[in-house]
Protein backbone atom coordinates (compact mmCIF):
# COMPACT_ATOMS: atom_id res chain seq x y z
CA MET A 1 -35.29 -1.95 -31.71
CA THR A 2 -37.83 -4.52 -30.55
CA LEU A 3 -41.19 -3.57 -29.07
CA GLN A 4 -40.09 -5.07 -25.74
CA ARG A 5 -36.88 -2.97 -25.72
CA ARG A 6 -38.82 0.24 -26.57
CA THR A 7 -41.31 -0.49 -23.82
CA LEU A 8 -38.53 -0.97 -21.24
CA ASN A 9 -36.83 2.26 -22.29
CA LEU A 10 -40.09 4.19 -22.01
CA MET A 11 -40.70 2.72 -18.54
CA LEU A 12 -37.16 3.63 -17.44
CA ALA A 13 -37.47 7.15 -18.77
CA GLY A 14 -40.76 7.56 -16.98
CA SER A 15 -39.30 6.30 -13.69
CA LEU A 16 -36.37 8.73 -13.94
CA ALA A 17 -38.69 11.62 -14.68
CA LEU A 18 -40.90 10.70 -11.73
CA ALA A 19 -37.84 10.46 -9.43
CA ALA A 20 -36.63 13.87 -10.58
CA THR A 21 -40.08 15.35 -9.98
CA LEU A 22 -40.28 13.86 -6.49
CA ALA A 23 -36.76 15.11 -5.65
CA ALA A 24 -37.69 18.59 -6.78
CA THR A 25 -40.82 18.63 -4.64
CA LEU A 26 -39.35 17.08 -1.48
CA PRO A 27 -38.43 19.57 1.26
CA ALA A 28 -34.78 20.63 1.08
CA GLN A 29 -34.31 19.48 4.68
CA ALA A 30 -35.31 15.93 3.84
CA GLN A 31 -32.84 15.76 0.95
CA ALA A 32 -29.96 17.16 2.98
CA ARG A 33 -30.51 15.09 6.12
CA LYS A 34 -27.38 13.14 7.01
CA ASP A 35 -25.86 11.39 10.00
CA SER A 36 -22.20 12.03 9.18
CA VAL A 37 -19.99 15.10 8.87
CA VAL A 38 -16.47 15.85 7.63
CA LEU A 39 -14.68 18.81 9.21
CA GLY A 40 -11.43 20.44 8.17
CA MET A 41 -8.63 21.16 10.66
CA VAL A 42 -5.46 23.16 10.08
CA LEU A 43 -3.07 20.95 12.07
CA GLU A 44 -2.70 17.24 12.70
CA PRO A 45 -2.13 16.46 16.39
CA PRO A 46 0.97 14.51 17.48
CA GLY A 47 -1.22 12.17 19.55
CA LEU A 48 -4.66 12.05 21.13
CA ASP A 49 -3.90 12.46 24.84
CA PRO A 50 -4.43 16.11 25.87
CA THR A 51 -3.12 15.38 29.37
CA THR A 52 0.43 14.61 28.20
CA ALA A 53 0.99 16.79 25.10
CA PRO A 54 0.54 20.53 24.52
CA ALA A 55 -0.94 20.69 20.99
CA ALA A 56 -4.36 22.38 20.92
CA ALA A 57 -5.27 20.22 17.90
CA ILE A 58 -5.69 17.25 20.27
CA GLY A 59 -8.61 18.91 22.01
CA GLU A 60 -10.22 19.76 18.68
CA ILE A 61 -10.73 16.03 18.12
CA VAL A 62 -11.16 14.31 21.49
CA HIS A 63 -12.39 16.94 23.96
CA TYR A 64 -16.11 16.58 24.77
CA ASN A 65 -16.35 13.95 22.01
CA ILE A 66 -14.37 11.05 23.51
CA LEU A 67 -12.89 12.51 26.69
CA GLU A 68 -14.81 14.53 29.28
CA GLY A 69 -13.98 16.43 32.45
CA LEU A 70 -15.88 17.31 35.59
CA THR A 71 -17.09 20.58 34.06
CA LYS A 72 -17.82 21.92 30.60
CA ILE A 73 -16.81 25.27 29.09
CA ASN A 74 -19.52 26.37 26.68
CA VAL A 75 -19.23 28.42 23.51
CA ASP A 76 -20.07 31.60 25.48
CA GLY A 77 -17.37 30.86 28.06
CA SER A 78 -19.82 29.83 30.79
CA VAL A 79 -19.08 26.77 32.92
CA THR A 80 -21.67 24.04 33.52
CA PRO A 81 -21.61 20.53 35.05
CA LEU A 82 -20.47 17.58 32.93
CA LEU A 83 -19.17 14.50 34.76
CA ALA A 84 -19.82 16.37 37.99
CA GLU A 85 -23.49 17.01 38.78
CA SER A 86 -22.61 19.93 41.03
CA TRP A 87 -19.82 21.50 43.05
CA GLN A 88 -19.40 23.77 46.02
CA ALA A 89 -16.46 25.91 47.09
CA SER A 90 -15.52 26.49 50.72
CA PRO A 91 -15.86 30.07 52.04
CA ASP A 92 -12.06 30.58 51.87
CA GLY A 93 -11.90 29.23 48.31
CA LYS A 94 -9.33 26.59 49.26
CA SER A 95 -11.44 23.50 48.73
CA TYR A 96 -14.01 22.29 46.22
CA THR A 97 -16.46 19.45 46.73
CA PHE A 98 -17.70 17.78 43.55
CA LYS A 99 -20.71 15.47 43.41
CA LEU A 100 -20.21 13.05 40.51
CA ARG A 101 -22.75 11.86 37.97
CA LYS A 102 -23.90 8.30 38.79
CA GLY A 103 -24.23 5.38 36.39
CA VAL A 104 -21.51 6.58 34.03
CA LYS A 105 -19.04 4.14 32.48
CA PHE A 106 -15.98 4.41 30.31
CA GLN A 107 -16.18 3.07 26.78
CA ASP A 108 -14.37 -0.13 27.86
CA ASP A 109 -17.07 -0.73 30.51
CA GLU A 110 -14.86 0.41 33.40
CA PRO A 111 -16.76 2.49 36.00
CA PHE A 112 -16.41 6.25 36.18
CA ASP A 113 -16.11 7.12 39.87
CA ALA A 114 -14.18 9.15 42.41
CA ALA A 115 -11.22 6.77 42.13
CA ALA A 116 -10.86 7.61 38.42
CA VAL A 117 -10.91 11.34 39.21
CA LYS A 118 -8.29 10.93 41.94
CA PHE A 119 -6.11 8.84 39.61
CA SER A 120 -6.36 11.40 36.78
CA PHE A 121 -5.51 14.43 38.91
CA GLU A 122 -2.67 12.74 40.78
CA ARG A 123 -1.27 11.55 37.43
CA ALA A 124 -1.41 15.15 36.17
CA LYS A 125 0.52 16.51 39.16
CA ALA A 126 2.99 13.65 39.48
CA GLU A 127 6.74 14.11 39.16
CA GLY A 128 7.63 14.01 35.47
CA SER A 129 4.10 14.84 34.29
CA THR A 130 4.04 16.67 30.95
CA ASN A 131 0.52 17.99 31.49
CA LYS A 132 0.46 21.56 30.20
CA ALA A 133 -1.61 22.71 33.19
CA LYS A 134 0.62 21.00 35.78
CA LYS A 135 2.13 24.14 37.31
CA ALA A 136 -0.90 26.38 36.85
CA VAL A 137 -3.57 24.01 38.12
CA PHE A 138 -2.50 20.63 39.44
CA ASP A 139 0.49 21.70 41.54
CA ASN A 140 -1.96 23.88 43.45
CA ILE A 141 -3.96 20.80 44.46
CA SER A 142 -2.67 19.77 47.86
CA SER A 143 -4.81 16.63 48.17
CA VAL A 144 -7.66 14.72 46.53
CA ALA A 145 -10.10 13.09 48.94
CA THR A 146 -12.74 10.52 47.95
CA PRO A 147 -15.11 10.00 50.92
CA ASP A 148 -17.42 7.90 48.74
CA PRO A 149 -17.50 6.71 45.09
CA HIS A 150 -19.44 9.75 43.95
CA THR A 151 -17.75 12.55 45.92
CA VAL A 152 -14.38 14.22 45.30
CA ILE A 153 -12.89 16.92 47.52
CA LEU A 154 -10.02 18.99 46.14
CA VAL A 155 -7.96 20.81 48.77
CA LEU A 156 -5.89 23.66 47.33
CA ASN A 157 -2.70 25.32 48.52
CA ASN A 158 -4.05 28.69 47.38
CA ALA A 159 -7.60 29.80 46.66
CA ASP A 160 -8.48 29.66 42.96
CA GLY A 161 -11.80 31.02 41.81
CA THR A 162 -11.09 29.84 38.27
CA MET A 163 -10.92 26.15 39.28
CA PRO A 164 -14.31 25.13 37.74
CA PHE A 165 -13.19 26.72 34.46
CA ARG A 166 -9.77 25.07 34.63
CA LEU A 167 -11.34 21.66 35.14
CA GLY A 168 -13.33 22.17 31.94
CA GLU A 169 -10.15 22.41 29.84
CA ASN A 170 -8.83 19.39 27.97
CA THR A 171 -5.86 19.08 30.31
CA ALA A 172 -8.30 17.98 33.06
CA VAL A 173 -10.22 15.22 31.29
CA ILE A 174 -10.86 12.10 33.37
CA LEU A 175 -9.17 8.89 32.25
CA SER A 176 -9.63 5.34 33.44
CA PRO A 177 -6.62 3.87 35.30
CA LYS A 178 -6.95 0.81 33.07
CA SER A 179 -6.60 2.62 29.70
CA ALA A 180 -4.81 5.90 30.50
CA ALA A 181 -1.40 4.70 29.28
CA THR A 182 -2.63 4.16 25.71
CA THR A 183 -4.73 7.30 25.37
CA ALA A 184 -2.39 8.91 22.81
CA THR A 185 -3.11 6.17 20.26
CA LYS A 186 -6.46 4.77 21.44
CA PRO A 187 -8.37 7.24 23.64
CA ILE A 188 -11.10 5.75 25.82
CA GLY A 189 -13.41 8.08 27.69
CA THR A 190 -16.98 8.65 28.79
CA GLY A 191 -18.09 10.84 25.87
CA PRO A 192 -20.62 10.29 23.07
CA TYR A 193 -18.05 9.14 20.47
CA THR A 194 -15.44 6.40 20.30
CA PHE A 195 -12.17 6.39 18.38
CA ASP A 196 -12.56 4.68 15.00
CA SER A 197 -9.43 5.23 12.87
CA TRP A 198 -6.45 7.48 12.19
CA GLN A 199 -4.99 7.74 8.69
CA LYS A 200 -1.72 9.48 9.42
CA GLY A 201 -1.30 12.69 7.49
CA GLN A 202 -4.94 12.65 6.41
CA SER A 203 -7.72 12.28 8.97
CA VAL A 204 -9.12 10.92 12.24
CA ALA A 205 -12.59 9.37 12.40
CA LEU A 206 -14.91 8.96 15.41
CA VAL A 207 -18.19 7.02 15.60
CA LYS A 208 -21.20 7.37 17.86
CA TRP A 209 -20.99 5.26 21.03
CA PRO A 210 -24.21 3.28 21.67
CA GLY A 211 -23.37 3.08 25.38
CA TYR A 212 -23.41 6.85 25.92
CA ARG A 213 -25.65 7.96 28.78
CA ASN A 214 -27.92 9.99 26.47
CA PRO A 215 -27.61 8.41 23.01
CA GLY A 216 -30.87 9.86 21.69
CA ALA A 217 -29.46 13.38 21.85
CA ILE A 218 -26.60 12.60 19.44
CA ARG A 219 -27.58 13.19 15.82
CA ILE A 220 -24.24 12.72 14.02
CA GLY A 221 -23.28 9.04 13.73
CA LYS A 222 -19.77 9.56 12.34
CA VAL A 223 -17.39 12.51 12.20
CA SER A 224 -14.12 12.74 10.30
CA PHE A 225 -11.50 15.41 10.96
CA ARG A 226 -9.47 16.05 7.81
CA PHE A 227 -6.11 17.84 8.09
CA ILE A 228 -5.67 20.68 5.58
CA ASN A 229 -3.09 23.30 6.49
CA ASP A 230 -2.74 24.91 3.05
CA PRO A 231 -5.22 27.82 2.75
CA ALA A 232 -5.84 27.26 -0.98
CA ALA A 233 -6.56 23.58 -0.30
CA GLN A 234 -9.07 24.58 2.41
CA VAL A 235 -10.95 26.68 -0.11
CA ALA A 236 -10.86 23.93 -2.74
CA ALA A 237 -12.07 21.28 -0.28
CA LEU A 238 -15.07 23.38 0.76
CA LEU A 239 -16.03 24.29 -2.80
CA ALA A 240 -15.70 20.68 -3.98
CA GLY A 241 -17.77 19.38 -1.06
CA ASP A 242 -14.90 17.24 0.22
CA ILE A 243 -15.47 18.73 3.68
CA ASP A 244 -18.71 19.99 5.20
CA GLY A 245 -17.19 22.74 7.29
CA MET A 246 -14.07 24.31 8.71
CA PRO A 247 -14.64 25.61 12.26
CA ARG A 248 -11.36 27.57 12.23
CA PHE A 249 -11.05 28.66 8.63
CA GLY A 250 -7.56 29.87 7.75
CA ALA A 251 -7.90 31.22 4.18
CA LEU A 252 -9.18 34.62 5.27
CA GLN A 253 -8.37 36.21 1.91
CA SER A 254 -11.21 34.05 0.48
CA LEU A 255 -13.72 34.94 3.18
CA LYS A 256 -15.77 37.34 1.02
CA GLN A 257 -16.16 34.62 -1.59
CA PHE A 258 -17.88 32.34 0.93
CA GLN A 259 -19.93 35.15 2.43
CA ALA A 260 -21.36 35.79 -1.05
CA ASP A 261 -22.01 32.11 -1.80
CA LYS A 262 -25.51 31.01 -0.74
CA ARG A 263 -24.32 27.41 -0.38
CA PHE A 264 -22.36 28.35 2.74
CA THR A 265 -22.77 30.05 6.08
CA VAL A 266 -20.01 32.13 7.65
CA GLU A 267 -19.79 33.03 11.34
CA ILE A 268 -17.22 35.30 12.97
CA GLY A 269 -16.65 35.12 16.72
CA ASP A 270 -14.09 35.59 19.50
CA THR A 271 -11.17 33.55 20.75
CA ALA A 272 -8.86 33.54 23.77
CA GLY A 273 -5.84 33.45 21.45
CA LYS A 274 -2.67 35.42 21.91
CA GLY A 275 -0.68 35.65 18.66
CA ILE A 276 2.95 36.37 19.47
CA LEU A 277 6.38 36.62 17.95
CA ALA A 278 7.99 34.41 20.59
CA LEU A 279 11.56 35.35 21.50
CA ASN A 280 14.13 32.98 22.99
CA ASN A 281 15.10 34.88 26.15
CA LYS A 282 18.07 32.53 26.70
CA ARG A 283 19.81 33.35 23.42
CA LYS A 284 21.99 36.37 22.81
CA PRO A 285 21.23 39.11 22.05
CA LEU A 286 17.55 38.39 22.85
CA ASP A 287 18.52 37.90 26.50
CA ASP A 288 18.86 41.72 26.61
CA VAL A 289 15.52 43.38 27.36
CA ARG A 290 16.54 46.36 25.19
CA VAL A 291 16.79 44.11 22.15
CA ARG A 292 13.39 42.55 22.88
CA ARG A 293 11.89 46.02 23.28
CA ALA A 294 13.45 47.00 19.97
CA VAL A 295 11.74 44.04 18.32
CA MET A 296 8.42 45.12 19.84
CA HIS A 297 8.80 48.70 18.54
CA ALA A 298 9.63 47.31 15.09
CA ILE A 299 6.30 45.49 14.77
CA ASP A 300 3.36 47.34 13.19
CA ARG A 301 0.46 45.42 14.72
CA LYS A 302 -2.20 47.08 12.56
CA ALA A 303 -0.31 46.29 9.35
CA PHE A 304 0.04 42.67 10.51
CA ILE A 305 -3.66 42.30 11.39
CA ASP A 306 -4.81 43.98 8.17
CA GLY A 307 -2.37 42.19 5.89
CA VAL A 308 -2.39 38.71 7.44
CA LEU A 309 -5.77 38.43 9.17
CA GLU A 310 -7.81 40.58 6.76
CA GLY A 311 -8.43 42.91 9.71
CA LEU A 312 -10.07 40.13 11.76
CA GLY A 313 -8.16 40.58 14.99
CA LYS A 314 -7.35 42.95 17.81
CA PRO A 315 -3.90 44.22 18.83
CA ILE A 316 -2.53 43.09 22.20
CA GLY A 317 0.35 44.30 24.36
CA SER A 318 0.77 41.42 26.81
CA HIS A 319 -0.02 37.69 27.03
CA PHE A 320 -3.70 38.30 27.78
CA ALA A 321 -6.76 38.38 25.53
CA PRO A 322 -9.36 41.17 25.41
CA THR A 323 -11.93 38.52 26.38
CA ASP A 324 -10.20 38.03 29.76
CA ALA A 325 -11.97 39.69 32.68
CA GLY A 326 -9.71 42.45 34.00
CA TYR A 327 -7.85 42.81 30.69
CA VAL A 328 -5.54 45.83 30.51
CA ASP A 329 -4.84 47.35 27.08
CA LEU A 330 -1.05 47.72 26.97
CA THR A 331 -0.60 48.21 23.23
CA LYS A 332 0.61 51.78 23.76
CA VAL A 333 3.61 50.63 25.82
CA TYR A 334 5.39 49.73 22.58
CA PRO A 335 3.87 51.72 19.71
CA TYR A 336 5.22 51.10 16.22
CA ASP A 337 8.39 53.21 16.16
CA PRO A 338 11.27 51.99 13.91
CA GLU A 339 13.55 54.83 14.99
CA LYS A 340 13.08 53.94 18.66
CA ALA A 341 13.85 50.32 17.76
CA LYS A 342 17.11 51.33 16.07
CA ALA A 343 18.09 53.47 19.07
CA LEU A 344 17.49 50.58 21.49
CA LEU A 345 19.62 48.24 19.37
CA ARG A 346 22.45 50.80 19.40
CA GLU A 347 22.06 51.24 23.17
CA ALA A 348 22.39 47.47 23.57
CA GLY A 349 25.58 47.50 21.52
CA VAL A 350 24.08 45.39 18.73
CA GLN A 351 25.86 45.57 15.38
CA THR A 352 23.45 45.58 12.45
CA PRO A 353 22.55 43.76 10.40
CA LEU A 354 21.59 41.37 13.19
CA ASN A 355 20.96 37.90 11.76
CA LEU A 356 18.30 35.76 13.46
CA THR A 357 16.25 32.74 12.39
CA LEU A 358 12.46 33.00 12.24
CA THR A 359 10.91 29.52 12.58
CA LEU A 360 7.39 29.23 11.17
CA PRO A 361 4.85 26.39 11.71
CA PRO A 362 2.19 25.71 9.01
CA PRO A 363 -0.77 27.99 9.88
CA GLN A 364 -1.21 30.95 7.57
CA TYR A 365 -0.97 33.46 10.42
CA ALA A 366 2.60 32.17 10.88
CA ARG A 367 3.70 31.60 7.27
CA LYS A 368 2.17 34.75 5.81
CA GLY A 369 2.70 36.62 9.06
CA GLY A 370 6.38 35.65 9.01
CA GLU A 371 6.88 37.46 5.72
CA VAL A 372 5.26 40.61 7.15
CA VAL A 373 7.32 40.46 10.36
CA ALA A 374 10.57 39.80 8.47
CA ALA A 375 9.95 42.85 6.28
CA GLN A 376 9.23 45.02 9.33
CA LEU A 377 12.31 43.81 11.21
CA ALA A 378 14.49 44.46 8.17
CA LYS A 379 13.65 48.16 8.40
CA VAL A 380 15.46 48.37 11.75
CA GLY A 381 18.45 46.22 10.80
CA ILE A 382 17.28 42.77 11.92
CA VAL A 383 17.56 40.16 9.18
CA ALA A 384 15.13 37.32 9.87
CA LYS A 385 16.01 34.16 7.96
CA ILE A 386 12.72 32.29 7.49
CA GLU A 387 12.66 28.58 8.30
CA ASN A 388 9.36 26.83 7.49
CA VAL A 389 8.72 23.67 9.51
CA GLU A 390 5.91 21.16 9.88
CA TRP A 391 3.96 21.01 13.13
CA ALA A 392 5.77 17.95 14.49
CA GLN A 393 9.11 19.67 13.79
CA TRP A 394 7.95 22.79 15.59
CA LEU A 395 6.94 20.77 18.66
CA SER A 396 10.24 18.89 18.74
CA GLY A 397 12.35 21.95 17.91
CA ALA A 398 11.10 25.44 18.72
CA PHE A 399 8.84 24.26 21.53
CA LYS A 400 11.86 22.58 23.12
CA GLY A 401 13.79 25.88 23.04
CA ASN A 402 15.69 25.35 19.78
CA TYR A 403 14.91 28.62 17.98
CA ASP A 404 15.59 32.36 17.88
CA MET A 405 12.13 33.66 17.02
CA THR A 406 8.85 31.96 16.07
CA ILE A 407 5.26 33.04 15.42
CA ILE A 408 2.60 31.11 17.28
CA ASN A 409 -0.97 31.62 18.49
CA HIS A 410 -1.41 30.53 22.11
CA VAL A 411 -5.07 29.53 22.14
CA GLU A 412 -5.40 28.28 25.72
CA PRO A 413 -7.25 30.71 28.01
CA LEU A 414 -5.56 32.12 31.10
CA ASP A 415 -2.20 30.48 30.37
CA TYR A 416 -0.15 33.36 31.81
CA ALA A 417 1.24 31.06 34.54
CA GLN A 418 3.54 29.47 31.94
CA TYR A 419 5.72 32.58 32.40
CA GLY A 420 6.49 31.28 35.87
CA ASN A 421 7.96 28.11 34.35
CA THR A 422 11.63 28.77 33.63
CA ALA A 423 11.84 25.62 31.50
CA TYR A 424 9.11 26.82 29.11
CA TYR A 425 10.25 27.38 25.54
CA TRP A 426 10.71 31.16 25.69
CA GLY A 427 13.15 30.83 28.60
CA TYR A 428 11.80 33.65 30.78
CA ASP A 429 13.25 33.65 34.30
CA SER A 430 11.89 36.39 36.55
CA ALA A 431 11.68 36.07 40.32
CA ALA A 432 9.59 39.26 40.33
CA PHE A 433 7.00 37.70 38.02
CA ARG A 434 6.87 34.53 40.11
CA GLU A 435 6.24 36.67 43.19
CA LEU A 436 3.34 38.33 41.38
CA LEU A 437 1.94 34.90 40.53
CA ALA A 438 2.10 33.91 44.20
CA ARG A 439 0.51 37.22 45.22
CA HIS A 440 -2.33 36.68 42.76
CA ALA A 441 -2.88 33.10 43.95
CA ALA A 442 -2.94 34.12 47.61
CA ALA A 443 -5.11 37.23 47.14
CA GLY A 444 -7.94 37.25 49.66
CA SER A 445 -10.22 39.83 48.08
CA VAL A 446 -11.53 40.79 44.67
CA ARG A 447 -9.59 44.07 44.85
CA GLU A 448 -6.31 42.33 45.67
CA ARG A 449 -6.79 39.79 42.87
CA GLY A 450 -7.59 42.58 40.42
CA GLU A 451 -4.48 44.53 41.37
CA ALA A 452 -2.27 41.47 41.05
CA TRP A 453 -3.92 40.56 37.75
CA ALA A 454 -3.12 43.98 36.29
CA ALA A 455 0.44 43.80 37.65
CA LEU A 456 1.02 40.44 35.93
CA GLN A 457 0.00 41.88 32.58
CA LYS A 458 2.17 44.97 33.02
CA LYS A 459 5.23 42.97 34.09
CA LEU A 460 5.19 40.84 30.93
CA ALA A 461 4.87 43.99 28.83
CA GLU A 462 7.62 45.78 30.74
CA ASP A 463 10.01 42.86 30.22
CA ALA A 464 8.95 42.45 26.56
CA VAL A 465 9.26 38.71 27.07
CA ASN A 466 7.76 38.21 23.62
CA ALA A 467 6.45 40.54 20.95
CA TYR A 468 2.70 40.53 21.56
CA ILE A 469 0.82 41.14 18.30
CA PHE A 470 -2.75 39.94 17.85
CA ASN A 471 -5.87 38.37 19.32
CA PRO A 472 -7.50 36.64 16.33
CA ALA A 473 -11.19 36.39 15.58
CA GLN A 474 -12.61 32.96 14.80
CA VAL A 475 -14.05 32.36 11.36
CA ALA A 476 -16.23 29.28 10.79
CA VAL A 477 -17.33 28.31 7.28
CA ALA A 478 -19.82 25.48 6.69
CA LYS A 479 -22.29 24.12 4.21
CA LYS A 480 -25.72 25.64 4.62
CA GLY A 481 -27.78 23.37 6.82
CA LEU A 482 -24.96 22.26 9.10
CA LYS A 483 -25.80 23.62 12.52
CA GLY A 484 -24.08 23.65 15.90
CA LEU A 485 -20.44 24.45 15.09
CA TRP A 486 -18.99 26.83 17.65
CA ALA A 487 -18.94 30.44 16.45
CA SER A 488 -16.40 31.39 19.13
CA SER A 489 -13.58 29.49 20.81
CA PRO A 490 -13.13 30.15 24.53
CA ILE A 491 -11.14 26.90 24.22
CA PHE A 492 -10.22 24.86 21.13
CA ALA A 493 -12.92 22.20 20.91
CA ASN A 494 -15.47 20.81 18.46
CA ASP A 495 -18.57 19.73 20.38
CA ILE A 496 -20.00 17.27 17.86
CA ALA A 497 -22.88 16.30 20.19
CA ALA A 498 -24.32 19.76 19.43
CA VAL A 499 -23.95 19.41 15.65
CA SER A 500 -26.74 18.36 13.27
CA TRP A 501 -27.99 18.70 9.70
CA GLN A 502 -31.18 20.70 9.24
């Protein structure tokens, strides 16, 4: 080796040693500082317009990031202004006046103003609208007045004290009349991020929007949402560093592993979810309330929660979450009682074994939960043939009413009004329930609303519309140093503007 070559090698070795020394002495924060993040999601959405499709996965990507509403629901469930600076309700609760934020534009440079709000709400309540909140929220809006470009007055048919909360859900985001029609494939909003790319079956990427009204507050320049529905793959992706976090971690059997690993942080919080064994009320013999009650008595909620959710959930007895104000615990209406279930099936004239299909979407609570439910139903003479489907198949099949039974977690808060929709996928048709909905909407006092609220919960339990099983906890797993992911989910959203590396 020549003297020149030896000299170069010594210089290189010295440089590498110096770099290693500097890296070891630099603060950990400085080494870890990034401006991008990759998050794992269980399900891929069918599109990106939350105002026309029901999948909660849509909101996980676009809500608060690209698309915004008049109000914002925070991680603690509180409601604060967003595109509205303020609002005021009339004394009778039948009108709301919103003062809009000035100087805001959509990402295509169109103005955000009262006309855009009026367009969005009238689109949501229009004939043929597929907005999930149409009947519960927008059909109650009698008129939308715009006295000036920065004022919107909503006049309601019935008083609704939850209106500010409802307008913070992803079903109420404000779209520009110019770009609304293409929101499902190219969402354009007023939020801090713009749509960048969608690799079907893999991921969606968003990038920071320089034109956002407060760009200095946004610390993440790019976020990618990677779709991983297999629990083992979620674990592998986190351990390999392929993703930085999973806000709604599904591999609960591996939770202790991450809690013991100092490279990760684990947070456990609350959700508004209602995990149910949905029953098709239009199909025989499930159209008989005695059969549905038999199914409810056949389900051991505690065994389900312990075996499927690692104990991270609470039993429920109606389509309401324990986080709901005025929640009534109705789990004792149908205690686990296989003998009672058998007696009800005999009373209904059902010959056993009764063969039904159990359709299961990808999440582990459904796939693993389906095995637990099938085993429990078998003990009372109901043979559940398991049919595993992908999310798009579930939306086009079970959600359209083509199923016997399916396991699904309804994550939207206060979505009890769907039971008043006879066309909804479980096929419930009860004039008595619809009367209770009207009574609740028209209630003039806190006492009357409370009484109607309790009656709604009890009616769904009495009719055993579905088998109500669990309210899941939320588990978020992330690399140490990633801050700002929601620990709880009052709604399904990922507020990336609050996320940063520390």
